[in-house]
């Protein structure tokens, strides 16, 4: 296992709870974009201004074009170990599994990985690099899920597919050489990680041993007070580049209408399976041990923190790490951003504890 390299600040108070803050390399305080994240943010704004996927969701948008724009197209991560990568089908759902060749016959902790992409995009290919890195860095097996996406397969298909794969892993542990199961996901996949864990606890199957989310969607409802707080860039106090950060966050939040139209449709957006923040405290207390990670300037940070605080105050076991200077989807940039590698190492450390 590689050691984490990012400097850790002292624990900081969030409401009545604590979180750990990872510093931008070379900086000693919060409020500033990492230079690499700044470049990404500026590119995102340029793409929006030239008509790419952004805030103007009312225009004629092609879902294939949106999907093709998602994901980090490169990585400088060099594999330390040889991996066995296999495409399979579990309970009618396509998956891709990753494990070190030397560990194929060993009983291992297994990560059920659920990719992001706004519930309408993302793919096994989009998270290829992070899944490879997880299997390379740790003595684990990774199973990445190709769940159904809107508009072709709207809610609840993604949740059903993810739970069905979880059920297959849990009921075939001996056959698949699985010890424990951690569900892990980013963005929309973080939402599904929480939703699958809630469903697992509500059904009493208790398959999920641990859960890990990166910048998860936790609220998709229409409560005006919540929306105003969660979606306001002003809540994220930037000491520099505030205008650019505001534009990025506003553009990001503009995609919610598309998600409503293509994924949620006529379903109740306040349901805890679409908005895990609405889960009752009695169920949150039963949630698996959870790790939540997010960037300082991520548009989903505030709703992620709200879920963290609610679960923590309900008596649930949840840990929070914030990456200073990061925006959305930094995990994708494994091998290029030190924070991406670091968050995957934190995930592996969390699983091993």
Protein backbone atom coordinates (compact mmCIF):
# COMPACT_ATOMS: atom_id res chain seq x y z
CA UNK A 1 0.00 0.00 0.00
CA UNK A 2 1.33 3.42 -0.91
CA UNK A 3 1.26 6.05 1.81
CA UNK A 4 -0.78 9.24 1.55
CA UNK A 5 1.32 12.25 0.59
CA UNK A 6 -1.01 15.20 1.08
CA UNK A 7 -0.60 17.24 4.24
CA UNK A 8 -3.52 16.98 6.64
CA UNK A 9 -4.76 20.01 8.56
CA UNK A 10 -6.16 19.73 12.06
CA UNK A 11 -9.77 18.62 12.32
CA UNK A 12 -12.24 21.44 11.70
CA UNK A 13 -15.78 21.84 13.01
CA UNK A 14 -18.77 21.46 10.67
CA UNK A 15 -21.89 22.23 12.68
CA UNK A 16 -21.58 19.76 15.56
CA UNK A 17 -19.14 17.39 13.86
CA UNK A 18 -15.55 17.22 12.61
CA UNK A 19 -13.92 16.74 9.25
CA UNK A 20 -10.38 16.38 7.99
CA UNK A 21 -9.04 18.93 5.50
CA UNK A 22 -6.38 18.09 2.91
CA UNK A 23 -4.30 21.08 1.90
CA UNK A 24 -3.50 22.14 -1.65
CA UNK A 25 0.20 21.30 -2.10
CA UNK A 26 2.25 24.40 -1.26
CA UNK A 27 -0.62 26.25 0.47
CA UNK A 28 -1.35 26.63 4.17
CA UNK A 29 -4.99 27.76 4.18
CA UNK A 30 -8.33 27.15 2.50
CA UNK A 31 -10.17 29.34 -0.02
CA UNK A 32 -7.92 28.93 -3.08
CA UNK A 33 -8.22 26.80 -6.19
CA UNK A 34 -5.52 24.27 -6.89
CA UNK A 35 -3.77 25.49 -10.11
CA UNK A 36 -4.69 22.30 -11.97
CA UNK A 37 -8.29 22.53 -10.83
CA UNK A 38 -8.36 26.15 -11.96
CA UNK A 39 -7.35 25.08 -15.47
CA UNK A 40 -10.12 22.47 -15.47
CA UNK A 41 -12.67 25.00 -14.24
CA UNK A 42 -11.74 27.52 -16.93
CA UNK A 43 -11.96 24.85 -19.64
CA UNK A 44 -15.39 23.85 -18.34
CA UNK A 45 -16.63 27.44 -18.55
CA UNK A 46 -15.28 27.80 -22.10
CA UNK A 47 -17.06 24.62 -23.19
CA UNK A 48 -20.32 25.86 -21.74
CA UNK A 49 -19.95 29.22 -23.46
CA UNK A 50 -19.41 27.50 -26.81
CA UNK A 51 -22.58 25.45 -26.54
CA UNK A 52 -21.38 22.28 -24.85
CA UNK A 53 -23.24 20.64 -21.98
CA UNK A 54 -23.99 23.33 -19.42
CA UNK A 55 -26.74 25.39 -17.97
CA UNK A 56 -28.94 25.91 -21.03
CA UNK A 57 -30.71 22.57 -20.75
CA UNK A 58 -33.80 23.79 -22.60
CA UNK A 59 -31.97 23.72 -25.91
CA UNK A 60 -32.02 20.68 -28.20
CA UNK A 61 -29.43 18.44 -26.57
CA UNK A 62 -28.24 15.07 -27.82
CA UNK A 63 -27.69 12.53 -25.04
CA UNK A 64 -24.86 10.84 -26.95
CA UNK A 65 -22.98 14.13 -27.18
CA UNK A 66 -23.37 14.66 -23.43
CA UNK A 67 -22.11 11.16 -22.70
CA UNK A 68 -19.12 11.53 -25.00
CA UNK A 69 -18.04 14.67 -23.13
CA UNK A 70 -17.88 12.90 -19.77
CA UNK A 71 -14.87 11.35 -18.09
CA UNK A 72 -11.15 12.03 -17.97
CA UNK A 73 -9.65 10.89 -21.27
CA UNK A 74 -6.13 10.24 -20.02
CA UNK A 75 -4.17 9.19 -16.97
CA UNK A 76 -0.53 9.10 -16.10
CA UNK A 77 -0.93 6.32 -13.55
CA UNK A 78 1.57 3.54 -14.22
CA UNK A 79 0.51 0.12 -12.98
CA UNK A 80 2.68 -1.40 -10.26
CA UNK A 81 1.08 -4.85 -10.56
CA UNK A 82 -0.35 -6.87 -13.43
CA UNK A 83 -4.13 -6.85 -13.31
CA UNK A 84 -6.70 -9.34 -14.46
CA UNK A 85 -9.56 -7.32 -15.98
CA UNK A 86 -12.68 -9.19 -16.99
CA UNK A 87 -16.06 -8.20 -18.46
CA UNK A 88 -18.87 -10.25 -16.93
CA UNK A 89 -22.64 -10.28 -16.41
CA UNK A 90 -24.10 -10.62 -12.92
CA UNK A 91 -27.87 -11.04 -12.69
CA UNK A 92 -28.36 -9.53 -16.12
CA UNK A 93 -26.16 -6.49 -15.41
CA UNK A 94 -22.84 -5.92 -17.17
CA UNK A 95 -19.88 -5.46 -14.84
CA UNK A 96 -16.12 -5.16 -15.18
CA UNK A 97 -13.91 -6.71 -12.50
CA UNK A 98 -10.32 -5.82 -11.58
CA UNK A 99 -7.88 -7.76 -9.42
CA UNK A 100 -4.13 -8.26 -9.27
CA UNK A 101 -3.15 -11.41 -11.15
CA UNK A 102 -1.26 -12.75 -8.12
CA UNK A 103 -4.36 -12.34 -5.94
CA UNK A 104 -6.99 -14.00 -8.12
CA UNK A 105 -7.36 -17.07 -5.91
CA UNK A 106 -7.26 -15.21 -2.58
CA UNK A 107 -10.32 -14.20 -0.58
CA UNK A 108 -10.39 -10.40 -0.77
CA UNK A 109 -12.39 -7.36 0.29
CA UNK A 110 -14.46 -6.35 -2.72
CA UNK A 111 -15.46 -2.88 -3.89
CA UNK A 112 -18.75 -2.57 -5.75
CA UNK A 113 -18.02 0.60 -7.73
CA UNK A 114 -20.90 2.72 -9.07
CA UNK A 115 -19.82 5.38 -11.57
CA UNK A 116 -21.05 8.96 -11.81
CA UNK A 117 -22.43 10.85 -14.79
CA UNK A 118 -25.58 12.68 -13.74
CA UNK A 119 -27.74 9.51 -13.98
CA UNK A 120 -27.75 9.90 -17.77
CA UNK A 121 -24.07 9.38 -18.58
CA UNK A 122 -20.88 7.80 -17.38
CA UNK A 123 -19.75 4.27 -18.15
CA UNK A 124 -17.38 1.47 -17.23
CA UNK A 125 -14.81 3.11 -19.50
CA UNK A 126 -15.15 6.49 -17.78
CA UNK A 127 -14.01 5.03 -14.45
CA UNK A 128 -11.47 2.60 -15.89
CA UNK A 129 -8.48 4.49 -14.48
CA UNK A 130 -9.75 4.87 -10.88
CA UNK A 131 -10.87 1.23 -10.77
CA UNK A 132 -7.50 0.08 -12.10
CA UNK A 133 -5.71 2.20 -9.51
CA UNK A 134 -7.83 0.84 -6.63
CA UNK A 135 -7.03 -2.74 -7.64
CA UNK A 136 -3.37 -1.86 -8.25
CA UNK A 137 -2.80 -0.01 -4.96
CA UNK A 138 -4.73 -2.36 -2.71
CA UNK A 139 -5.29 -6.03 -2.07
CA UNK A 140 -8.90 -5.81 -3.18
CA UNK A 141 -11.19 -6.84 -5.98
CA UNK A 142 -13.13 -4.10 -7.78
CA UNK A 143 -16.43 -4.76 -9.55
CA UNK A 144 -17.63 -1.80 -11.62
CA UNK A 145 -21.36 -1.69 -12.49
CA UNK A 146 -22.81 -0.75 -15.88
CA UNK A 147 -26.22 0.25 -14.51
CA UNK A 148 -29.15 1.54 -16.58
CA UNK A 149 -29.14 5.25 -17.47
CA UNK A 150 -31.85 7.73 -18.35
CA UNK A 151 -33.56 8.56 -20.59
CA UNK A 152 -33.63 4.98 -21.90
CA UNK A 153 -33.68 3.49 -18.40
CA UNK A 154 -34.94 6.10 -15.92
CA UNK A 155 -35.23 5.74 -12.15
CA UNK A 156 -35.40 3.27 -10.47
CA UNK A 157 -33.48 1.09 -12.96
CA UNK A 158 -30.02 2.24 -11.84
CA UNK A 159 -30.86 1.49 -8.22
CA UNK A 160 -32.32 -1.91 -9.10
CA UNK A 161 -29.30 -2.87 -11.22
CA UNK A 162 -26.84 -1.81 -8.52
CA UNK A 163 -28.70 -3.67 -5.79
CA UNK A 164 -28.99 -6.79 -7.96
CA UNK A 165 -25.21 -6.85 -8.43
CA UNK A 166 -24.76 -6.35 -4.69
CA UNK A 167 -27.12 -9.26 -4.06
CA UNK A 168 -25.16 -11.47 -6.47
CA UNK A 169 -21.83 -10.65 -4.84
CA UNK A 170 -23.19 -11.22 -1.35
CA UNK A 171 -24.85 -14.55 -2.14
CA UNK A 172 -21.83 -15.85 -4.07
CA UNK A 173 -19.02 -14.84 -1.73
CA UNK A 174 -17.40 -18.27 -1.66
CA UNK A 175 -17.53 -18.70 -5.43
CA UNK A 176 -16.13 -15.21 -6.03
CA UNK A 177 -13.53 -15.24 -3.22
CA UNK A 178 -15.11 -12.27 -1.42
CA UNK A 179 -14.60 -11.44 2.26
CA UNK A 180 -16.31 -8.06 2.79
CA UNK A 181 -18.26 -5.75 0.46
CA UNK A 182 -17.76 -1.99 0.23
CA UNK A 183 -20.06 0.01 -2.01
CA UNK A 184 -18.29 3.04 -3.50
CA UNK A 185 -19.43 5.68 -5.96
CA UNK A 186 -18.81 9.21 -7.20
CA UNK A 187 -21.38 11.95 -7.86
CA UNK A 188 -24.52 10.18 -9.17
CA UNK A 189 -22.76 6.98 -8.16
CA UNK A 190 -22.39 8.43 -4.68
CA UNK A 191 -26.14 8.97 -4.62
CA UNK A 192 -26.67 5.34 -5.63
CA UNK A 193 -24.12 4.21 -3.03
CA UNK A 194 -26.22 5.83 -0.31
CA UNK A 195 -29.47 4.60 -1.87
CA UNK A 196 -28.24 1.00 -2.20
CA UNK A 197 -27.00 1.09 1.40
CA UNK A 198 -30.34 2.45 2.62
CA UNK A 199 -32.25 -0.21 0.66
CA UNK A 200 -29.92 -2.89 2.02
CA UNK A 201 -30.62 -1.78 5.58
CA UNK A 202 -34.35 -1.28 5.04
CA UNK A 203 -34.71 -4.79 3.57
CA UNK A 204 -32.60 -6.21 6.39
CA UNK A 205 -30.18 -7.95 4.02
CA UNK A 206 -27.18 -6.14 5.56
CA UNK A 207 -24.90 -7.05 2.66
CA UNK A 208 -22.93 -3.77 2.76
CA UNK A 209 -20.04 -3.74 5.21
CA UNK A 210 -18.81 -0.23 4.37
CA UNK A 211 -19.75 2.65 2.04
CA UNK A 212 -17.56 5.28 0.37
CA UNK A 213 -18.88 8.33 -1.48
CA UNK A 214 -17.10 11.01 -3.44
CA UNK A 215 -19.02 14.28 -3.96
CA UNK A 216 -22.40 12.49 -3.81
CA UNK A 217 -25.78 13.85 -4.85
CA UNK A 218 -27.88 13.72 -1.67
CA UNK A 219 -30.84 16.00 -2.46
CA UNK A 220 -32.87 16.23 -5.70
CA UNK A 221 -36.06 17.67 -4.28
CA UNK A 222 -37.62 21.08 -4.81
CA UNK A 223 -37.77 22.57 -1.33
CA UNK A 224 -36.99 26.22 -2.03
CA UNK A 225 -35.02 26.89 1.16
CA UNK A 226 -32.83 23.83 0.67
CA UNK A 227 -32.29 24.55 -3.00
CA UNK A 228 -31.30 28.14 -2.27
CA UNK A 229 -28.74 27.05 0.31
CA UNK A 230 -27.32 24.03 -1.51
CA UNK A 231 -27.05 25.69 -4.93
CA UNK A 232 -25.64 29.08 -3.91
CA UNK A 233 -21.96 29.61 -4.80
CA UNK A 234 -21.85 32.31 -2.11
CA UNK A 235 -21.80 29.63 0.58
CA UNK A 236 -18.38 28.45 -0.63
CA UNK A 237 -16.11 31.29 0.47
CA UNK A 238 -13.39 31.67 -2.16
CA UNK A 239 -10.59 34.13 -1.44
CA UNK A 240 -9.67 34.25 -5.11
CA UNK A 241 -11.30 33.42 -8.48
CA UNK A 242 -14.74 33.77 -6.89
CA UNK A 243 -16.41 34.91 -10.12
CA UNK A 244 -15.12 31.90 -12.07
CA UNK A 245 -16.13 29.52 -9.27
CA UNK A 246 -19.62 31.06 -9.17
CA UNK A 247 -20.01 30.60 -12.92
CA UNK A 248 -18.86 26.98 -12.75
CA UNK A 249 -21.27 26.14 -9.93
CA UNK A 250 -24.21 27.87 -11.59
CA UNK A 251 -23.53 26.03 -14.86
CA UNK A 252 -23.29 22.72 -13.03
CA UNK A 253 -26.56 23.27 -11.19
CA UNK A 254 -28.28 24.07 -14.47
CA UNK A 255 -28.17 20.38 -15.42
CA UNK A 256 -30.80 19.45 -12.80
CA UNK A 257 -33.68 20.12 -15.18
CA UNK A 258 -32.26 17.57 -17.60
CA UNK A 259 -31.90 15.03 -14.81
CA UNK A 260 -35.51 15.70 -13.77
CA UNK A 261 -36.77 15.24 -17.34
CA UNK A 262 -34.66 12.23 -18.29
CA UNK A 263 -34.08 10.34 -15.06
CA UNK A 264 -36.48 11.27 -12.25
CA UNK A 265 -39.50 11.93 -14.48
CA UNK A 266 -42.78 11.62 -12.52
CA UNK A 267 -41.22 9.95 -9.49
CA UNK A 268 -41.14 11.64 -6.09
CA UNK A 269 -37.86 13.54 -5.97
CA UNK A 270 -38.18 13.80 -2.17
CA UNK A 271 -38.00 10.01 -1.81
CA UNK A 272 -34.94 8.93 0.18
CA UNK A 273 -33.91 6.76 -2.78
CA UNK A 274 -33.58 9.87 -4.93
CA UNK A 275 -32.72 12.23 -2.06
CA UNK A 276 -30.87 10.20 0.62
CA UNK A 277 -30.81 13.32 2.79
CA UNK A 278 -34.49 12.61 3.48
CA UNK A 279 -33.81 9.20 5.02
CA UNK A 280 -35.17 8.91 8.57
CA UNK A 281 -32.66 9.14 11.40
CA UNK A 282 -33.60 5.65 12.55
CA UNK A 283 -32.35 4.23 9.24
CA UNK A 284 -29.28 6.49 9.03
CA UNK A 285 -28.17 5.13 12.39
CA UNK A 286 -28.11 1.65 10.85
CA UNK A 287 -26.08 2.67 7.81
CA UNK A 288 -22.75 0.91 7.21
CA UNK A 289 -19.56 2.61 8.33
CA UNK A 290 -19.16 5.39 5.75
CA UNK A 291 -16.44 7.61 4.29
CA UNK A 292 -17.49 10.83 2.53
CA UNK A 293 -14.99 12.86 0.45
CA UNK A 294 -15.54 16.08 -1.50
CA UNK A 295 -13.68 19.02 -3.01
CA UNK A 296 -13.72 22.48 -1.43
CA UNK A 297 -15.42 24.09 -4.46
CA UNK A 298 -17.61 21.19 -5.53
CA UNK A 299 -21.21 22.24 -6.35
CA UNK A 300 -22.42 19.20 -4.38
CA UNK A 301 -20.38 19.94 -1.26
CA UNK A 302 -23.11 21.58 0.81
CA UNK A 303 -25.72 18.88 0.28
CA UNK A 304 -23.06 16.26 0.94
CA UNK A 305 -22.18 17.97 4.21
CA UNK A 306 -25.87 18.11 5.13
CA UNK A 307 -26.14 14.34 4.76
CA UNK A 308 -22.92 13.87 6.72
CA UNK A 309 -24.20 15.97 9.60
CA UNK A 310 -27.61 14.30 9.66
CA UNK A 311 -26.12 10.81 9.71
CA UNK A 312 -23.52 11.80 12.30
CA UNK A 313 -26.11 13.37 14.59
CA UNK A 314 -28.36 10.33 14.15
CA UNK A 315 -25.58 8.19 15.63
CA UNK A 316 -24.24 6.78 12.36
CA UNK A 317 -20.54 6.07 11.81
CA UNK A 318 -19.39 8.46 9.07
CA UNK A 319 -16.04 10.16 8.35
CA UNK A 320 -15.54 13.28 6.22
CA UNK A 321 -12.44 14.36 4.26
CA UNK A 322 -12.42 17.62 2.29
CA UNK A 323 -9.86 18.30 -0.44
CA UNK A 324 -8.94 21.97 -0.53
CA UNK A 325 -8.89 23.64 -3.92
CA UNK A 326 -10.70 20.84 -5.77
CA UNK A 327 -13.80 21.05 -7.96
CA UNK A 328 -16.14 18.28 -9.11
CA UNK A 329 -14.93 14.90 -10.43
CA UNK A 330 -11.31 15.21 -9.32
CA UNK A 331 -11.13 11.44 -8.68
CA UNK A 332 -11.16 10.85 -12.45
CA UNK A 333 -7.75 12.46 -12.78
CA UNK A 334 -5.78 9.69 -11.11
CA UNK A 335 -2.13 9.91 -12.07
CA UNK A 336 -2.53 13.59 -12.99
CA UNK A 337 -3.86 15.08 -9.74
CA UNK A 338 -2.20 14.11 -6.46
CA UNK A 339 -5.60 14.52 -4.79
CA UNK A 340 -7.08 11.81 -7.03
CA UNK A 341 -4.49 9.26 -5.99
CA UNK A 342 -4.77 10.37 -2.40
CA UNK A 343 -8.54 9.91 -2.19
CA UNK A 344 -8.24 6.38 -3.60
CA UNK A 345 -5.58 5.59 -1.00
CA UNK A 346 -7.88 6.98 1.69
CA UNK A 347 -10.62 4.69 0.40
CA UNK A 348 -8.34 1.66 0.62
CA UNK A 349 -7.12 2.62 4.08
CA UNK A 350 -10.74 2.97 5.18
CA UNK A 351 -11.58 -0.51 3.86
CA UNK A 352 -8.59 -2.06 5.60
CA UNK A 353 -9.39 -0.58 9.05
